[in-house]
Amino acid sequence: MILTACNGNSNAIGFQTSGSEIVASPMLIDAGILTAAGEMTSDSLQIDNVGEADAEISKIEFIDKMGSGAWSISDDGSQILDNETSLLLDVTFAPDTPGHHVAELVIKVKNTTGCAEYIVLLRGFGAWDCAADDLDCDGFTEAEGDCDDLDVWQSVGIDEHCDGLDNDCNKETDPRCDDRECGHP
């Protein structure tokens, strides 16, 4: 999970101002590899207010890196998260095309003194119609520059993601992940 502050108001790794403290987990939802068209899988995302004051979840939105529409969430509306309470969301991955499906789930939180955005990385892979020598079904073989043909998240031709891997096989791991600004993942 990446935390960015709005208007410079960030006091900790979690968002904490005026008694509210929001924690979201997990930081990465990996839907895995689906091997047939029409398959789907769901994972849970928990948002906790572990502080002493209420906080408003003003918006939950997807930034779909691939434009695939493969991701959905059970609730994306504004709501108040009372102190010492949790919100459990279902995140569903249902691709209709093979390949990488990467998105970011942006959770916008505010209270009387500021705002913050939590960014949770979502990734899943549709693996059907694969070549026999493409072991991870990502569309590239080792001969074509795939730096790890057993990992669909490391391959030429895909974007770098803030996940600790060299996703695009350029021998750099997450080069721009510390440069995020509020509203610009």
C-alpha atoms as a PDB file:
ATOM      1  CA  MET A   1       0.000   0.000   0.000  1.00  0.00           C
ATOM      2  CA  ILE A   2       1.344   3.391  -0.894  1.00  0.00           C
ATOM      3  CA  LEU A   3       0.227   6.359   1.148  1.00  0.00           C
ATOM      4  CA  THR A   4       0.199   9.818  -0.373  1.00  0.00           C
ATOM      5  CA  ALA A   5      -0.848  12.929   1.461  1.00  0.00           C
ATOM      6  CA  CYS A   6      -3.177  15.646   0.237  1.00  0.00           C
ATOM      7  CA  ASN A   7      -2.208  19.231   1.065  1.00  0.00           C
ATOM      8  CA  GLY A   8       0.921  17.988   2.873  1.00  0.00           C
ATOM      9  CA  ASN A   9      -0.964  16.419   5.803  1.00  0.00           C
ATOM     10  CA  SER A  10       0.662  13.098   6.591  1.00  0.00           C
ATOM     11  CA  ASN A  11       1.986  12.196  10.027  1.00  0.00           C
ATOM     12  CA  ALA A  12       2.872   8.519   9.811  1.00  0.00           C
ATOM     13  CA  ILE A  13       3.047   5.442   7.608  1.00  0.00           C
ATOM     14  CA  GLY A  14      -0.674   5.096   8.215  1.00  0.00           C
ATOM     15  CA  PHE A  15      -2.936   8.137   7.911  1.00  0.00           C
ATOM     16  CA  GLN A  16      -3.246   9.697  11.352  1.00  0.00           C
ATOM     17  CA  THR A  17      -4.645  13.121  12.190  1.00  0.00           C
ATOM     18  CA  SER A  18      -7.006  14.388  14.907  1.00  0.00           C
ATOM     19  CA  GLY A  19      -7.441  10.951  16.460  1.00  0.00           C
ATOM     20  CA  SER A  20      -8.340   8.917  13.385  1.00  0.00           C
ATOM     21  CA  GLU A  21      -5.892   6.364  12.054  1.00  0.00           C
ATOM     22  CA  ILE A  22      -6.734   4.351   8.949  1.00  0.00           C
ATOM     23  CA  VAL A  23      -5.025   1.084   8.047  1.00  0.00           C
ATOM     24  CA  ALA A  24      -5.811  -0.878   4.879  1.00  0.00           C
ATOM     25  CA  SER A  25      -4.660  -4.443   4.226  1.00  0.00           C
ATOM     26  CA  PRO A  26      -3.430  -6.203   2.218  1.00  0.00           C
ATOM     27  CA  MET A  27      -1.138  -3.835   0.299  1.00  0.00           C
ATOM     28  CA  LEU A  28      -1.226  -6.087  -2.768  1.00  0.00           C
ATOM     29  CA  ILE A  29      -4.096  -8.186  -4.039  1.00  0.00           C
ATOM     30  CA  ASP A  30      -2.701 -10.860  -6.339  1.00  0.00           C
ATOM     31  CA  ALA A  31      -5.599 -12.651  -8.003  1.00  0.00           C
ATOM     32  CA  GLY A  32      -3.204 -15.180  -9.482  1.00  0.00           C
ATOM     33  CA  ILE A  33      -3.537 -16.898 -12.819  1.00  0.00           C
ATOM     34  CA  LEU A  34      -6.918 -17.830 -14.244  1.00  0.00           C
ATOM     35  CA  THR A  35      -6.624 -20.506 -16.919  1.00  0.00           C
ATOM     36  CA  ALA A  36      -9.973 -20.279 -18.703  1.00  0.00           C
ATOM     37  CA  ALA A  37     -12.133 -17.505 -20.082  1.00  0.00           C
ATOM     38  CA  GLY A  38     -15.103 -16.804 -17.828  1.00  0.00           C
ATOM     39  CA  GLU A  39     -13.309 -17.663 -14.569  1.00  0.00           C
ATOM     40  CA  MET A  40     -13.334 -15.209 -11.688  1.00  0.00           C
ATOM     41  CA  THR A  41     -11.880 -14.895  -8.207  1.00  0.00           C
ATOM     42  CA  SER A  42     -12.492 -12.588  -5.233  1.00  0.00           C
ATOM     43  CA  ASP A  43     -10.292 -11.357  -2.419  1.00  0.00           C
ATOM     44  CA  SER A  44     -11.046  -9.257   0.646  1.00  0.00           C
ATOM     45  CA  LEU A  45      -9.669  -5.828   1.447  1.00  0.00           C
ATOM     46  CA  GLN A  46     -10.064  -4.618   5.014  1.00  0.00           C
ATOM     47  CA  ILE A  47     -10.003  -0.943   5.971  1.00  0.00           C
ATOM     48  CA  ASP A  48      -9.702  -0.296   9.724  1.00  0.00           C
ATOM     49  CA  ASN A  49     -10.058   2.907  11.694  1.00  0.00           C
ATOM     50  CA  VAL A  50      -7.879   2.070  14.691  1.00  0.00           C
ATOM     51  CA  GLY A  51      -7.914   5.618  16.041  1.00  0.00           C
ATOM     52  CA  GLU A  52     -10.167   7.471  18.447  1.00  0.00           C
ATOM     53  CA  ALA A  53     -12.026   9.707  15.942  1.00  0.00           C
ATOM     54  CA  ASP A  54     -14.237   9.111  12.919  1.00  0.00           C
ATOM     55  CA  ALA A  55     -12.853   9.393   9.381  1.00  0.00           C
ATOM     56  CA  GLU A  56     -14.636   9.765   6.069  1.00  0.00           C
ATOM     57  CA  ILE A  57     -13.850   7.446   3.197  1.00  0.00           C
ATOM     58  CA  SER A  58     -14.699   9.977   0.529  1.00  0.00           C
ATOM     59  CA  LYS A  59     -14.110   7.799  -2.509  1.00  0.00           C
ATOM     60  CA  ILE A  60     -12.833   4.397  -3.593  1.00  0.00           C
ATOM     61  CA  GLU A  61     -11.828   4.201  -7.243  1.00  0.00           C
ATOM     62  CA  PHE A  62      -9.871   2.080  -9.681  1.00  0.00           C
ATOM     63  CA  ILE A  63      -7.055   3.257 -11.866  1.00  0.00           C
ATOM     64  CA  ASP A  64      -7.101   0.497 -14.469  1.00  0.00           C
ATOM     65  CA  LYS A  65      -3.575   0.446 -15.915  1.00  0.00           C
ATOM     66  CA  MET A  66      -4.572  -1.847 -18.773  1.00  0.00           C
ATOM     67  CA  GLY A  67      -8.040  -0.441 -19.495  1.00  0.00           C
ATOM     68  CA  SER A  68      -9.443  -3.954 -19.292  1.00  0.00           C
ATOM     69  CA  GLY A  69     -12.326  -3.550 -16.860  1.00  0.00           C
ATOM     70  CA  ALA A  70     -11.344  -6.884 -15.281  1.00  0.00           C
ATOM     71  CA  TRP A  71     -11.661  -5.577 -11.713  1.00  0.00           C
ATOM     72  CA  SER A  72     -14.702  -4.672  -9.601  1.00  0.00           C
ATOM     73  CA  ILE A  73     -15.358  -3.847  -5.957  1.00  0.00           C
ATOM     74  CA  SER A  74     -18.370  -4.450  -3.711  1.00  0.00           C
ATOM     75  CA  ASP A  75     -18.712  -0.838  -2.485  1.00  0.00           C
ATOM     76  CA  ASP A  76     -17.197   2.347  -3.853  1.00  0.00           C
ATOM     77  CA  GLY A  77     -19.303   5.030  -2.189  1.00  0.00           C
ATOM     78  CA  SER A  78     -18.583   7.645   0.412  1.00  0.00           C
ATOM     79  CA  GLN A  79     -19.083   6.620   4.025  1.00  0.00           C
ATOM     80  CA  ILE A  80     -18.062   7.452   7.565  1.00  0.00           C
ATOM     81  CA  LEU A  81     -15.805   4.919   9.258  1.00  0.00           C
ATOM     82  CA  ASP A  82     -16.392   5.263  12.985  1.00  0.00           C
ATOM     83  CA  ASN A  83     -13.469   4.961  15.373  1.00  0.00           C
ATOM     84  CA  GLU A  84     -12.491   1.394  16.217  1.00  0.00           C
ATOM     85  CA  THR A  85     -14.493  -0.046  13.272  1.00  0.00           C
ATOM     86  CA  SER A  86     -13.658  -1.841  10.027  1.00  0.00           C
ATOM     87  CA  LEU A  87     -14.944  -1.983   6.488  1.00  0.00           C
ATOM     88  CA  LEU A  88     -14.558  -5.218   4.535  1.00  0.00           C
ATOM     89  CA  LEU A  89     -14.663  -4.967   0.739  1.00  0.00           C
ATOM     90  CA  ASP A  90     -14.732  -7.733  -1.864  1.00  0.00           C
ATOM     91  CA  VAL A  91     -12.425  -7.146  -4.830  1.00  0.00           C
ATOM     92  CA  THR A  92     -13.272  -9.324  -7.837  1.00  0.00           C
ATOM     93  CA  PHE A  93     -11.049 -10.235 -10.792  1.00  0.00           C
ATOM     94  CA  ALA A  94     -12.935 -11.468 -13.877  1.00  0.00           C
ATOM     95  CA  PRO A  95     -10.897 -10.935 -17.059  1.00  0.00           C
ATOM     96  CA  ASP A  96     -12.466 -11.430 -20.470  1.00  0.00           C
ATOM     97  CA  THR A  97      -9.137 -11.313 -22.315  1.00  0.00           C
ATOM     98  CA  PRO A  98      -5.870 -13.182 -21.648  1.00  0.00           C
ATOM     99  CA  GLY A  99      -2.789 -11.363 -20.384  1.00  0.00           C
ATOM    100  CA  HIS A 100      -1.798  -9.016 -17.577  1.00  0.00           C
ATOM    101  CA  HIS A 101      -4.526  -7.109 -15.782  1.00  0.00           C
ATOM    102  CA  VAL A 102      -3.095  -4.526 -13.398  1.00  0.00           C
ATOM    103  CA  ALA A 103      -4.958  -1.790 -11.569  1.00  0.00           C
ATOM    104  CA  GLU A 104      -4.619   0.374  -8.508  1.00  0.00           C
ATOM    105  CA  LEU A 105      -7.387   0.756  -5.970  1.00  0.00           C
ATOM    106  CA  VAL A 106      -7.294   4.294  -4.574  1.00  0.00           C
ATOM    107  CA  ILE A 107      -8.946   4.825  -1.194  1.00  0.00           C
ATOM    108  CA  LYS A 108      -9.428   8.521  -0.419  1.00  0.00           C
ATOM    109  CA  VAL A 109      -9.785   9.309   3.279  1.00  0.00           C
ATOM    110  CA  LYS A 110     -10.339  12.654   4.964  1.00  0.00           C
ATOM    111  CA  ASN A 111     -11.155  14.174   8.306  1.00  0.00           C
ATOM    112  CA  THR A 112     -11.263  17.712   9.683  1.00  0.00           C
ATOM    113  CA  THR A 113      -7.515  18.292   9.388  1.00  0.00           C
ATOM    114  CA  GLY A 114      -6.529  16.708   6.096  1.00  0.00           C
ATOM    115  CA  CYS A 115      -6.757  13.925   3.605  1.00  0.00           C
ATOM    116  CA  ALA A 116      -4.742  10.970   2.367  1.00  0.00           C
ATOM    117  CA  GLU A 117      -4.908   8.377  -0.361  1.00  0.00           C
ATOM    118  CA  TYR A 118      -4.098   4.712   0.114  1.00  0.00           C
ATOM    119  CA  ILE A 119      -3.110   2.899  -3.059  1.00  0.00           C
ATOM    120  CA  VAL A 120      -3.464  -0.880  -3.149  1.00  0.00           C
ATOM    121  CA  LEU A 121      -1.956  -2.689  -6.146  1.00  0.00           C
ATOM    122  CA  LEU A 122      -4.209  -5.221  -7.895  1.00  0.00           C
ATOM    123  CA  ARG A 123      -2.834  -7.770 -10.309  1.00  0.00           C
ATOM    124  CA  GLY A 124      -4.176 -10.827 -12.039  1.00  0.00           C
ATOM    125  CA  PHE A 125      -3.408 -12.789 -15.168  1.00  0.00           C
ATOM    126  CA  GLY A 126      -5.574 -14.517 -17.741  1.00  0.00           C
ATOM    127  CA  ALA A 127      -3.578 -17.475 -19.083  1.00  0.00           C
ATOM    128  CA  TRP A 128      -5.298 -19.121 -21.984  1.00  0.00           C
ATOM    129  CA  ASP A 129      -4.122 -19.431 -25.598  1.00  0.00           C
ATOM    130  CA  CYS A 130      -0.437 -19.726 -24.525  1.00  0.00           C
ATOM    131  CA  ALA A 131       2.519 -20.874 -26.638  1.00  0.00           C
ATOM    132  CA  ALA A 132       4.135 -24.134 -25.508  1.00  0.00           C
ATOM    133  CA  ASP A 133       7.566 -22.535 -24.847  1.00  0.00           C
ATOM    134  CA  ASP A 134       6.105 -19.614 -22.851  1.00  0.00           C
ATOM    135  CA  LEU A 135       6.172 -21.201 -19.384  1.00  0.00           C
ATOM    136  CA  ASP A 136       4.351 -18.388 -17.565  1.00  0.00           C
ATOM    137  CA  CYS A 137       1.937 -17.585 -20.435  1.00  0.00           C
ATOM    138  CA  ASP A 138       2.837 -13.886 -20.434  1.00  0.00           C
ATOM    139  CA  GLY A 139       3.364 -13.696 -24.186  1.00  0.00           C
ATOM    140  CA  PHE A 140       7.184 -13.744 -24.081  1.00  0.00           C
ATOM    141  CA  THR A 141       9.791 -16.496 -23.880  1.00  0.00           C
ATOM    142  CA  GLU A 142      13.313 -16.289 -22.472  1.00  0.00           C
ATOM    143  CA  ALA A 143      14.577 -16.124 -26.066  1.00  0.00           C
ATOM    144  CA  GLU A 144      12.405 -13.008 -26.539  1.00  0.00           C
ATOM    145  CA  GLY A 145      13.836 -11.283 -23.438  1.00  0.00           C
ATOM    146  CA  ASP A 146      11.597 -12.563 -20.617  1.00  0.00           C
ATOM    147  CA  CYS A 147      13.877 -12.255 -17.569  1.00  0.00           C
ATOM    148  CA  ASP A 148      11.883 -14.810 -15.537  1.00  0.00           C
ATOM    149  CA  ASP A 149       9.769 -17.203 -17.607  1.00  0.00           C
ATOM    150  CA  LEU A 150       8.228 -18.674 -14.451  1.00  0.00           C
ATOM    151  CA  ASP A 151       6.840 -15.335 -13.209  1.00  0.00           C
ATOM    152  CA  VAL A 152       4.083 -13.565 -15.163  1.00  0.00           C
ATOM    153  CA  TRP A 153       4.927 -10.287 -13.386  1.00  0.00           C
ATOM    154  CA  GLN A 154       8.419 -10.102 -14.861  1.00  0.00           C
ATOM    155  CA  SER A 155       8.389  -9.767 -18.636  1.00  0.00           C
ATOM    156  CA  VAL A 156       9.332  -7.402 -21.427  1.00  0.00           C
ATOM    157  CA  GLY A 157       6.530  -5.182 -22.607  1.00  0.00           C
ATOM    158  CA  ILE A 158       4.753  -4.639 -19.274  1.00  0.00           C
ATOM    159  CA  ASP A 159       4.808  -1.529 -17.101  1.00  0.00           C
ATOM    160  CA  GLU A 160       6.845  -1.258 -13.926  1.00  0.00           C
ATOM    161  CA  HIS A 161       4.689  -1.513 -10.779  1.00  0.00           C
ATOM    162  CA  CYS A 162       5.519  -0.634  -7.187  1.00  0.00           C
ATOM    163  CA  ASP A 163       5.817  -4.245  -6.015  1.00  0.00           C
ATOM    164  CA  GLY A 164       9.524  -4.903  -5.399  1.00  0.00           C
ATOM    165  CA  LEU A 165      10.062  -6.701  -8.745  1.00  0.00           C
ATOM    166  CA  ASP A 166      11.799  -5.726 -11.969  1.00  0.00           C
ATOM    167  CA  ASN A 167       8.542  -6.055 -13.900  1.00  0.00           C
ATOM    168  CA  ASP A 168       9.749  -4.793 -17.292  1.00  0.00           C
ATOM    169  CA  CYS A 169      13.076  -6.706 -17.266  1.00  0.00           C
ATOM    170  CA  ASN A 170      15.226  -3.568 -17.567  1.00  0.00           C
ATOM    171  CA  LYS A 171      17.343  -4.442 -14.488  1.00  0.00           C
ATOM    172  CA  GLU A 172      15.721  -1.656 -12.395  1.00  0.00           C
ATOM    173  CA  THR A 173      13.294  -2.353  -9.579  1.00  0.00           C
ATOM    174  CA  ASP A 174      10.519   0.193  -8.956  1.00  0.00           C
ATOM    175  CA  PRO A 175      12.431   3.282 -10.166  1.00  0.00           C
ATOM    176  CA  ARG A 176       9.643   5.873  -9.624  1.00  0.00           C
ATOM    177  CA  CYS A 177       7.678   4.554  -6.657  1.00  0.00           C
ATOM    178  CA  ASP A 178       8.869   7.223  -4.212  1.00  0.00           C
ATOM    179  CA  ASP A 179       7.824  10.092  -6.515  1.00  0.00           C
ATOM    180  CA  ARG A 180       4.049   9.848  -6.136  1.00  0.00           C
ATOM    181  CA  GLU A 181       1.924  12.899  -5.466  1.00  0.00           C
ATOM    182  CA  CYS A 182      -1.600  13.056  -4.132  1.00  0.00           C
ATOM    183  CA  GLY A 183      -3.967  12.018  -6.897  1.00  0.00           C
ATOM    184  CA  HIS A 184      -1.170  10.935  -9.239  1.00  0.00           C
ATOM    185  CA  PRO A 185      -0.244   7.247  -8.706  1.00  0.00           C
END
